[in-house]
Amino acid sequence: MGLYARLRQVIGLAVVGFADDTNLLACGKTTQDYVKALEMGWAVCDEWARARGMAFEPVKSSLIHFCRTRTPRPEQV
């Protein structure tokens, strides 16, 4: 099974990719919901890459957190 097919099985996770870029998008009612989805998505990506003798470059990754509140959130993601 391909990487994107496996990622589509993670609840709360959406995948957008183009060429060598993969974006994991997660939504949830709580911070814990989408953190869990992102962690599961990362585990799928890491396992897929290791099985092929590859690795993702964490330095090239970033997290953008969007929320509806107007005040800073206390949670650390």
PDB file of N, CA and C in Angstrom:
ATOM      1  N   MET A   1       0.849  -1.179   0.000  1.00  0.00           N
ATOM      2  CA  MET A   1       0.000   0.000   0.000  1.00  0.00           C
ATOM      3  C   MET A   1       0.892   1.238   0.000  1.00  0.00           C
ATOM      4  N   GLY A   2       0.534   2.221  -0.788  1.00  0.00           N
ATOM      5  CA  GLY A   2       1.318   3.440  -0.898  1.00  0.00           C
ATOM      6  C   GLY A   2       1.188   4.334   0.328  1.00  0.00           C
ATOM      7  N   LEU A   3       2.090   5.286   0.425  1.00  0.00           N
ATOM      8  CA  LEU A   3       2.120   6.195   1.574  1.00  0.00           C
ATOM      9  C   LEU A   3       0.804   6.952   1.721  1.00  0.00           C
ATOM     10  N   TYR A   4       0.324   7.552   0.652  1.00  0.00           N
ATOM     11  CA  TYR A   4      -0.890   8.367   0.771  1.00  0.00           C
ATOM     12  C   TYR A   4      -2.110   7.515   1.107  1.00  0.00           C
ATOM     13  N   ALA A   5      -2.165   6.306   0.578  1.00  0.00           N
ATOM     14  CA  ALA A   5      -3.277   5.406   0.904  1.00  0.00           C
ATOM     15  C   ALA A   5      -3.248   5.070   2.388  1.00  0.00           C
ATOM     16  N   ARG A   6      -2.075   4.842   2.938  1.00  0.00           N
ATOM     17  CA  ARG A   6      -1.966   4.543   4.368  1.00  0.00           C
ATOM     18  C   ARG A   6      -2.321   5.772   5.210  1.00  0.00           C
ATOM     19  N   LEU A   7      -1.892   6.945   4.769  1.00  0.00           N
ATOM     20  CA  LEU A   7      -2.198   8.164   5.525  1.00  0.00           C
ATOM     21  C   LEU A   7      -3.692   8.469   5.510  1.00  0.00           C
ATOM     22  N   ARG A   8      -4.384   8.132   4.431  1.00  0.00           N
ATOM     23  CA  ARG A   8      -5.836   8.374   4.354  1.00  0.00           C
ATOM     24  C   ARG A   8      -6.606   7.537   5.375  1.00  0.00           C
ATOM     25  N   GLN A   9      -5.985   6.509   5.932  1.00  0.00           N
ATOM     26  CA  GLN A   9      -6.634   5.673   6.937  1.00  0.00           C
ATOM     27  C   GLN A   9      -6.557   6.271   8.341  1.00  0.00           C
ATOM     28  N   VAL A  10      -5.746   7.308   8.528  1.00  0.00           N
ATOM     29  CA  VAL A  10      -5.616   7.939   9.843  1.00  0.00           C
ATOM     30  C   VAL A  10      -6.805   8.870  10.049  1.00  0.00           C
ATOM     31  N   ILE A  11      -7.572   8.617  11.087  1.00  0.00           N
ATOM     32  CA  ILE A  11      -8.767   9.417  11.382  1.00  0.00           C
ATOM     33  C   ILE A  11      -8.359  10.841  11.770  1.00  0.00           C
ATOM     34  N   GLY A  12      -9.018  11.827  11.155  1.00  0.00           N
ATOM     35  CA  GLY A  12      -8.772  13.224  11.462  1.00  0.00           C
ATOM     36  C   GLY A  12      -7.627  13.836  10.676  1.00  0.00           C
ATOM     37  N   LEU A  13      -7.073  13.083   9.727  1.00  0.00           N
ATOM     38  CA  LEU A  13      -5.910  13.553   8.971  1.00  0.00           C
ATOM     39  C   LEU A  13      -6.254  13.664   7.495  1.00  0.00           C
ATOM     40  N   ALA A  14      -5.807  14.730   6.873  1.00  0.00           N
ATOM     41  CA  ALA A  14      -5.925  14.902   5.431  1.00  0.00           C
ATOM     42  C   ALA A  14      -4.519  15.083   4.878  1.00  0.00           C
ATOM     43  N   VAL A  15      -4.312  14.667   3.641  1.00  0.00           N
ATOM     44  CA  VAL A  15      -2.986  14.725   3.035  1.00  0.00           C
ATOM     45  C   VAL A  15      -3.059  15.494   1.733  1.00  0.00           C
ATOM     46  N   VAL A  16      -2.123  16.418   1.555  1.00  0.00           N
ATOM     47  CA  VAL A  16      -1.995  17.158   0.312  1.00  0.00           C
ATOM     48  C   VAL A  16      -0.536  17.034  -0.106  1.00  0.00           C
ATOM     49  N   GLY A  17      -0.309  16.606  -1.324  1.00  0.00           N
ATOM     50  CA  GLY A  17       1.063  16.443  -1.766  1.00  0.00           C
ATOM     51  C   GLY A  17       1.258  16.902  -3.192  1.00  0.00           C
ATOM     52  N   PHE A  18       2.478  17.316  -3.474  1.00  0.00           N
ATOM     53  CA  PHE A  18       2.867  17.696  -4.814  1.00  0.00           C
ATOM     54  C   PHE A  18       4.358  17.435  -4.958  1.00  0.00           C
ATOM     55  N   ALA A  19       4.734  16.672  -5.954  1.00  0.00           N
ATOM     56  CA  ALA A  19       6.137  16.319  -6.201  1.00  0.00           C
ATOM     57  C   ALA A  19       6.741  15.727  -4.932  1.00  0.00           C
ATOM     58  N   ASP A  20       7.730  16.387  -4.352  1.00  0.00           N
ATOM     59  CA  ASP A  20       8.377  15.829  -3.160  1.00  0.00           C
ATOM     60  C   ASP A  20       7.910  16.503  -1.871  1.00  0.00           C
ATOM     61  N   ASP A  21       6.793  17.199  -1.903  1.00  0.00           N
ATOM     62  CA  ASP A  21       6.244  17.851  -0.707  1.00  0.00           C
ATOM     63  C   ASP A  21       4.996  17.106  -0.251  1.00  0.00           C
ATOM     64  N   THR A  22       4.923  16.824   1.027  1.00  0.00           N
ATOM     65  CA  THR A  22       3.752  16.194   1.622  1.00  0.00           C
ATOM     66  C   THR A  22       3.300  17.048   2.789  1.00  0.00           C
ATOM     67  N   ASN A  23       2.034  17.381   2.816  1.00  0.00           N
ATOM     68  CA  ASN A  23       1.457  18.180   3.894  1.00  0.00           C
ATOM     69  C   ASN A  23       0.428  17.345   4.631  1.00  0.00           C
ATOM     70  N   LEU A  24       0.579  17.270   5.939  1.00  0.00           N
ATOM     71  CA  LEU A  24      -0.393  16.585   6.785  1.00  0.00           C
ATOM     72  C   LEU A  24      -1.252  17.658   7.441  1.00  0.00           C
ATOM     73  N   LEU A  25      -2.549  17.576   7.251  1.00  0.00           N
ATOM     74  CA  LEU A  25      -3.494  18.538   7.810  1.00  0.00           C
ATOM     75  C   LEU A  25      -4.393  17.798   8.784  1.00  0.00           C
ATOM     76  N   ALA A  26      -4.522  18.332   9.979  1.00  0.00           N
ATOM     77  CA  ALA A  26      -5.350  17.669  10.986  1.00  0.00           C
ATOM     78  C   ALA A  26      -6.330  18.662  11.582  1.00  0.00           C
ATOM     79  N   CYS A  27      -7.531  18.183  11.836  1.00  0.00           N
ATOM     80  CA  CYS A  27      -8.579  18.979  12.467  1.00  0.00           C
ATOM     81  C   CYS A  27      -9.130  18.195  13.640  1.00  0.00           C
ATOM     82  N   GLY A  28      -9.583  18.914  14.638  1.00  0.00           N
ATOM     83  CA  GLY A  28     -10.188  18.245  15.772  1.00  0.00           C
ATOM     84  C   GLY A  28     -10.867  19.236  16.678  1.00  0.00           C
ATOM     85  N   LYS A  29     -11.698  18.719  17.578  1.00  0.00           N
ATOM     86  CA  LYS A  29     -12.390  19.582  18.530  1.00  0.00           C
ATOM     87  C   LYS A  29     -11.455  20.026  19.648  1.00  0.00           C
ATOM     88  N   THR A  30     -10.452  19.210  19.924  1.00  0.00           N
ATOM     89  CA  THR A  30      -9.495  19.563  20.972  1.00  0.00           C
ATOM     90  C   THR A  30      -8.086  19.470  20.412  1.00  0.00           C
ATOM     91  N   THR A  31      -7.166  20.134  21.086  1.00  0.00           N
ATOM     92  CA  THR A  31      -5.766  20.059  20.692  1.00  0.00           C
ATOM     93  C   THR A  31      -5.291  18.619  20.695  1.00  0.00           C
ATOM     94  N   GLN A  32      -5.705  17.845  21.674  1.00  0.00           N
ATOM     95  CA  GLN A  32      -5.291  16.450  21.768  1.00  0.00           C
ATOM     96  C   GLN A  32      -5.747  15.646  20.551  1.00  0.00           C
ATOM     97  N   ASP A  33      -6.925  15.966  20.007  1.00  0.00           N
ATOM     98  CA  ASP A  33      -7.440  15.252  18.831  1.00  0.00           C
ATOM     99  C   ASP A  33      -6.499  15.390  17.644  1.00  0.00           C
ATOM    100  N   TYR A  34      -6.111  16.625  17.333  1.00  0.00           N
ATOM    101  CA  TYR A  34      -5.288  16.776  16.137  1.00  0.00           C
ATOM    102  C   TYR A  34      -3.826  16.461  16.384  1.00  0.00           C
ATOM    103  N   VAL A  35      -3.365  16.605  17.612  1.00  0.00           N
ATOM    104  CA  VAL A  35      -2.001  16.161  17.918  1.00  0.00           C
ATOM    105  C   VAL A  35      -1.898  14.653  17.719  1.00  0.00           C
ATOM    106  N   LYS A  36      -2.900  13.924  18.166  1.00  0.00           N
ATOM    107  CA  LYS A  36      -2.910  12.466  17.996  1.00  0.00           C
ATOM    108  C   LYS A  36      -2.897  12.101  16.511  1.00  0.00           C
ATOM    109  N   ALA A  37      -3.715  12.774  15.705  1.00  0.00           N
ATOM    110  CA  ALA A  37      -3.757  12.496  14.269  1.00  0.00           C
ATOM    111  C   ALA A  37      -2.412  12.790  13.616  1.00  0.00           C
ATOM    112  N   LEU A  38      -1.778  13.909  13.983  1.00  0.00           N
ATOM    113  CA  LEU A  38      -0.475  14.248  13.409  1.00  0.00           C
ATOM    114  C   LEU A  38       0.600  13.257  13.836  1.00  0.00           C
ATOM    115  N   GLU A  39       0.570  12.840  15.092  1.00  0.00           N
ATOM    116  CA  GLU A  39       1.547  11.857  15.562  1.00  0.00           C
ATOM    117  C   GLU A  39       1.381  10.528  14.840  1.00  0.00           C
ATOM    118  N   MET A  40       0.136  10.112  14.633  1.00  0.00           N
ATOM    119  CA  MET A  40      -0.105   8.869  13.910  1.00  0.00           C
ATOM    120  C   MET A  40       0.339   9.009  12.448  1.00  0.00           C
ATOM    121  N   GLY A  41       0.066  10.148  11.851  1.00  0.00           N
ATOM    122  CA  GLY A  41       0.501  10.400  10.478  1.00  0.00           C
ATOM    123  C   GLY A  41       2.015  10.386  10.349  1.00  0.00           C
ATOM    124  N   TRP A  42       2.690  11.003  11.308  1.00  0.00           N
ATOM    125  CA  TRP A  42       4.152  11.007  11.287  1.00  0.00           C
ATOM    126  C   TRP A  42       4.692   9.584  11.420  1.00  0.00           C
ATOM    127  N   ALA A  43       4.086   8.778  12.283  1.00  0.00           N
ATOM    128  CA  ALA A  43       4.532   7.391  12.464  1.00  0.00           C
ATOM    129  C   ALA A  43       4.400   6.615  11.155  1.00  0.00           C
ATOM    130  N   VAL A  44       3.312   6.839  10.421  1.00  0.00           N
ATOM    131  CA  VAL A  44       3.117   6.179   9.127  1.00  0.00           C
ATOM    132  C   VAL A  44       4.211   6.620   8.155  1.00  0.00           C
ATOM    133  N   CYS A  45       4.466   7.928   8.089  1.00  0.00           N
ATOM    134  CA  CYS A  45       5.501   8.453   7.185  1.00  0.00           C
ATOM    135  C   CYS A  45       6.876   7.899   7.534  1.00  0.00           C
ATOM    136  N   ASP A  46       7.207   7.906   8.804  1.00  0.00           N
ATOM    137  CA  ASP A  46       8.520   7.440   9.252  1.00  0.00           C
ATOM    138  C   ASP A  46       8.711   5.952   8.941  1.00  0.00           C
ATOM    139  N   GLU A  47       7.700   5.155   9.238  1.00  0.00           N
ATOM    140  CA  GLU A  47       7.768   3.719   8.959  1.00  0.00           C
ATOM    141  C   GLU A  47       7.910   3.466   7.459  1.00  0.00           C
ATOM    142  N   TRP A  48       7.146   4.185   6.652  1.00  0.00           N
ATOM    143  CA  TRP A  48       7.189   4.034   5.205  1.00  0.00           C
ATOM    144  C   TRP A  48       8.580   4.369   4.677  1.00  0.00           C
ATOM    145  N   ALA A  49       9.148   5.479   5.152  1.00  0.00           N
ATOM    146  CA  ALA A  49      10.469   5.899   4.688  1.00  0.00           C
ATOM    147  C   ALA A  49      11.555   4.911   5.116  1.00  0.00           C
ATOM    148  N   ARG A  50      11.541   4.483   6.362  1.00  0.00           N
ATOM    149  CA  ARG A  50      12.556   3.551   6.855  1.00  0.00           C
ATOM    150  C   ARG A  50      12.536   2.233   6.079  1.00  0.00           C
ATOM    151  N   ALA A  51      11.349   1.760   5.723  1.00  0.00           N
ATOM    152  CA  ALA A  51      11.232   0.512   4.970  1.00  0.00           C
ATOM    153  C   ALA A  51      11.866   0.635   3.586  1.00  0.00           C
ATOM    154  N   ARG A  52      12.067   1.866   3.128  1.00  0.00           N
ATOM    155  CA  ARG A  52      12.638   2.104   1.804  1.00  0.00           C
ATOM    156  C   ARG A  52      14.041   2.703   1.884  1.00  0.00           C
ATOM    157  N   GLY A  53      14.630   2.686   3.078  1.00  0.00           N
ATOM    158  CA  GLY A  53      15.981   3.224   3.257  1.00  0.00           C
ATOM    159  C   GLY A  53      16.046   4.728   3.102  1.00  0.00           C
ATOM    160  N   MET A  54      14.957   5.399   3.424  1.00  0.00           N
ATOM    161  CA  MET A  54      14.865   6.849   3.288  1.00  0.00           C
ATOM    162  C   MET A  54      14.618   7.480   4.656  1.00  0.00           C
ATOM    163  N   ALA A  55      14.691   8.796   4.699  1.00  0.00           N
ATOM    164  CA  ALA A  55      14.369   9.528   5.924  1.00  0.00           C
ATOM    165  C   ALA A  55      13.814  10.897   5.543  1.00  0.00           C
ATOM    166  N   PHE A  56      12.878  11.371   6.339  1.00  0.00           N
ATOM    167  CA  PHE A  56      12.368  12.728   6.162  1.00  0.00           C
ATOM    168  C   PHE A  56      13.299  13.678   6.905  1.00  0.00           C
ATOM    169  N   GLU A  57      13.393  14.905   6.462  1.00  0.00           N
ATOM    170  CA  GLU A  57      14.282  15.893   7.058  1.00  0.00           C
ATOM    171  C   GLU A  57      13.474  16.808   7.979  1.00  0.00           C
ATOM    172  N   PRO A  58      13.525  16.565   9.314  1.00  0.00           N
ATOM    173  CA  PRO A  58      12.735  17.369  10.247  1.00  0.00           C
ATOM    174  C   PRO A  58      13.019  18.875  10.175  1.00  0.00           C
ATOM    175  N   VAL A  59      14.230  19.254   9.821  1.00  0.00           N
ATOM    176  CA  VAL A  59      14.574  20.680   9.735  1.00  0.00           C
ATOM    177  C   VAL A  59      13.736  21.381   8.669  1.00  0.00           C
ATOM    178  N   LYS A  60      13.309  20.638   7.667  1.00  0.00           N
ATOM    179  CA  LYS A  60      12.503  21.214   6.588  1.00  0.00           C
ATOM    180  C   LYS A  60      11.010  21.183   6.899  1.00  0.00           C
ATOM    181  N   SER A  61      10.657  20.749   8.090  1.00  0.00           N
ATOM    182  CA  SER A  61       9.253  20.649   8.485  1.00  0.00           C
ATOM    183  C   SER A  61       8.873  21.792   9.402  1.00  0.00           C
ATOM    184  N   SER A  62       7.619  22.168   9.350  1.00  0.00           N
ATOM    185  CA  SER A  62       7.131  23.198  10.275  1.00  0.00           C
ATOM    186  C   SER A  62       5.682  22.889  10.629  1.00  0.00           C
ATOM    187  N   LEU A  63       5.258  23.422  11.754  1.00  0.00           N
ATOM    188  CA  LEU A  63       3.897  23.252  12.227  1.00  0.00           C
ATOM    189  C   LEU A  63       3.238  24.620  12.254  1.00  0.00           C
ATOM    190  N   ILE A  64       2.079  24.710  11.644  1.00  0.00           N
ATOM    191  CA  ILE A  64       1.290  25.937  11.680  1.00  0.00           C
ATOM    192  C   ILE A  64      -0.016  25.580  12.360  1.00  0.00           C
ATOM    193  N   HIS A  65      -0.337  26.287  13.414  1.00  0.00           N
ATOM    194  CA  HIS A  65      -1.523  25.994  14.217  1.00  0.00           C
ATOM    195  C   HIS A  65      -2.529  27.130  14.046  1.00  0.00           C
ATOM    196  N   PHE A  66      -3.664  26.819  13.440  1.00  0.00           N
ATOM    197  CA  PHE A  66      -4.740  27.797  13.260  1.00  0.00           C
ATOM    198  C   PHE A  66      -5.849  27.495  14.252  1.00  0.00           C
ATOM    199  N   CYS A  67      -6.397  28.530  14.864  1.00  0.00           N
ATOM    200  CA  CYS A  67      -7.536  28.349  15.760  1.00  0.00           C
ATOM    201  C   CYS A  67      -8.411  29.590  15.687  1.00  0.00           C
ATOM    202  N   ARG A  68      -9.602  29.477  16.227  1.00  0.00           N
ATOM    203  CA  ARG A  68     -10.559  30.579  16.150  1.00  0.00           C
ATOM    204  C   ARG A  68     -10.454  31.563  17.310  1.00  0.00           C
ATOM    205  N   THR A  69      -9.703  31.225  18.320  1.00  0.00           N
ATOM    206  CA  THR A  69      -9.625  32.118  19.478  1.00  0.00           C
ATOM    207  C   THR A  69      -8.808  33.362  19.158  1.00  0.00           C
ATOM    208  N   ARG A  70      -9.105  34.419  19.853  1.00  0.00           N
ATOM    209  CA  ARG A  70      -8.364  35.661  19.654  1.00  0.00           C
ATOM    210  C   ARG A  70      -7.252  35.820  20.695  1.00  0.00           C
ATOM    211  N   THR A  71      -7.244  34.959  21.664  1.00  0.00           N
ATOM    212  CA  THR A  71      -6.197  35.006  22.684  1.00  0.00           C
ATOM    213  C   THR A  71      -5.268  33.792  22.505  1.00  0.00           C
ATOM    214  N   PRO A  72      -4.024  33.921  22.911  1.00  0.00           N
ATOM    215  CA  PRO A  72      -3.097  32.801  22.754  1.00  0.00           C
ATOM    216  C   PRO A  72      -3.576  31.562  23.504  1.00  0.00           C
ATOM    217  N   ARG A  73      -3.360  30.392  22.909  1.00  0.00           N
ATOM    218  CA  ARG A  73      -3.727  29.121  23.536  1.00  0.00           C
ATOM    219  C   ARG A  73      -2.621  28.698  24.489  1.00  0.00           C
ATOM    220  N   PRO A  74      -2.963  28.143  25.644  1.00  0.00           N
ATOM    221  CA  PRO A  74      -1.945  27.729  26.614  1.00  0.00           C
ATOM    222  C   PRO A  74      -1.255  26.410  26.260  1.00  0.00           C
ATOM    223  N   GLU A  75      -1.880  25.592  25.389  1.00  0.00           N
ATOM    224  CA  GLU A  75      -1.313  24.296  25.052  1.00  0.00           C
ATOM    225  C   GLU A  75      -0.057  24.450  24.205  1.00  0.00           C
ATOM    226  N   GLN A  76       0.867  23.532  24.406  1.00  0.00           N
ATOM    227  CA  GLN A  76       2.046  23.448  23.561  1.00  0.00           C
ATOM    228  C   GLN A  76       1.812  22.300  22.589  1.00  0.00           C
ATOM    229  N   VAL A  77       2.028  22.543  21.312  1.00  0.00           N
ATOM    230  CA  VAL A  77       1.833  21.519  20.287  1.00  0.00           C
ATOM    231  C   VAL A  77       3.192  21.097  19.771  1.00  0.00           C
TER     232      VAL A  77
END
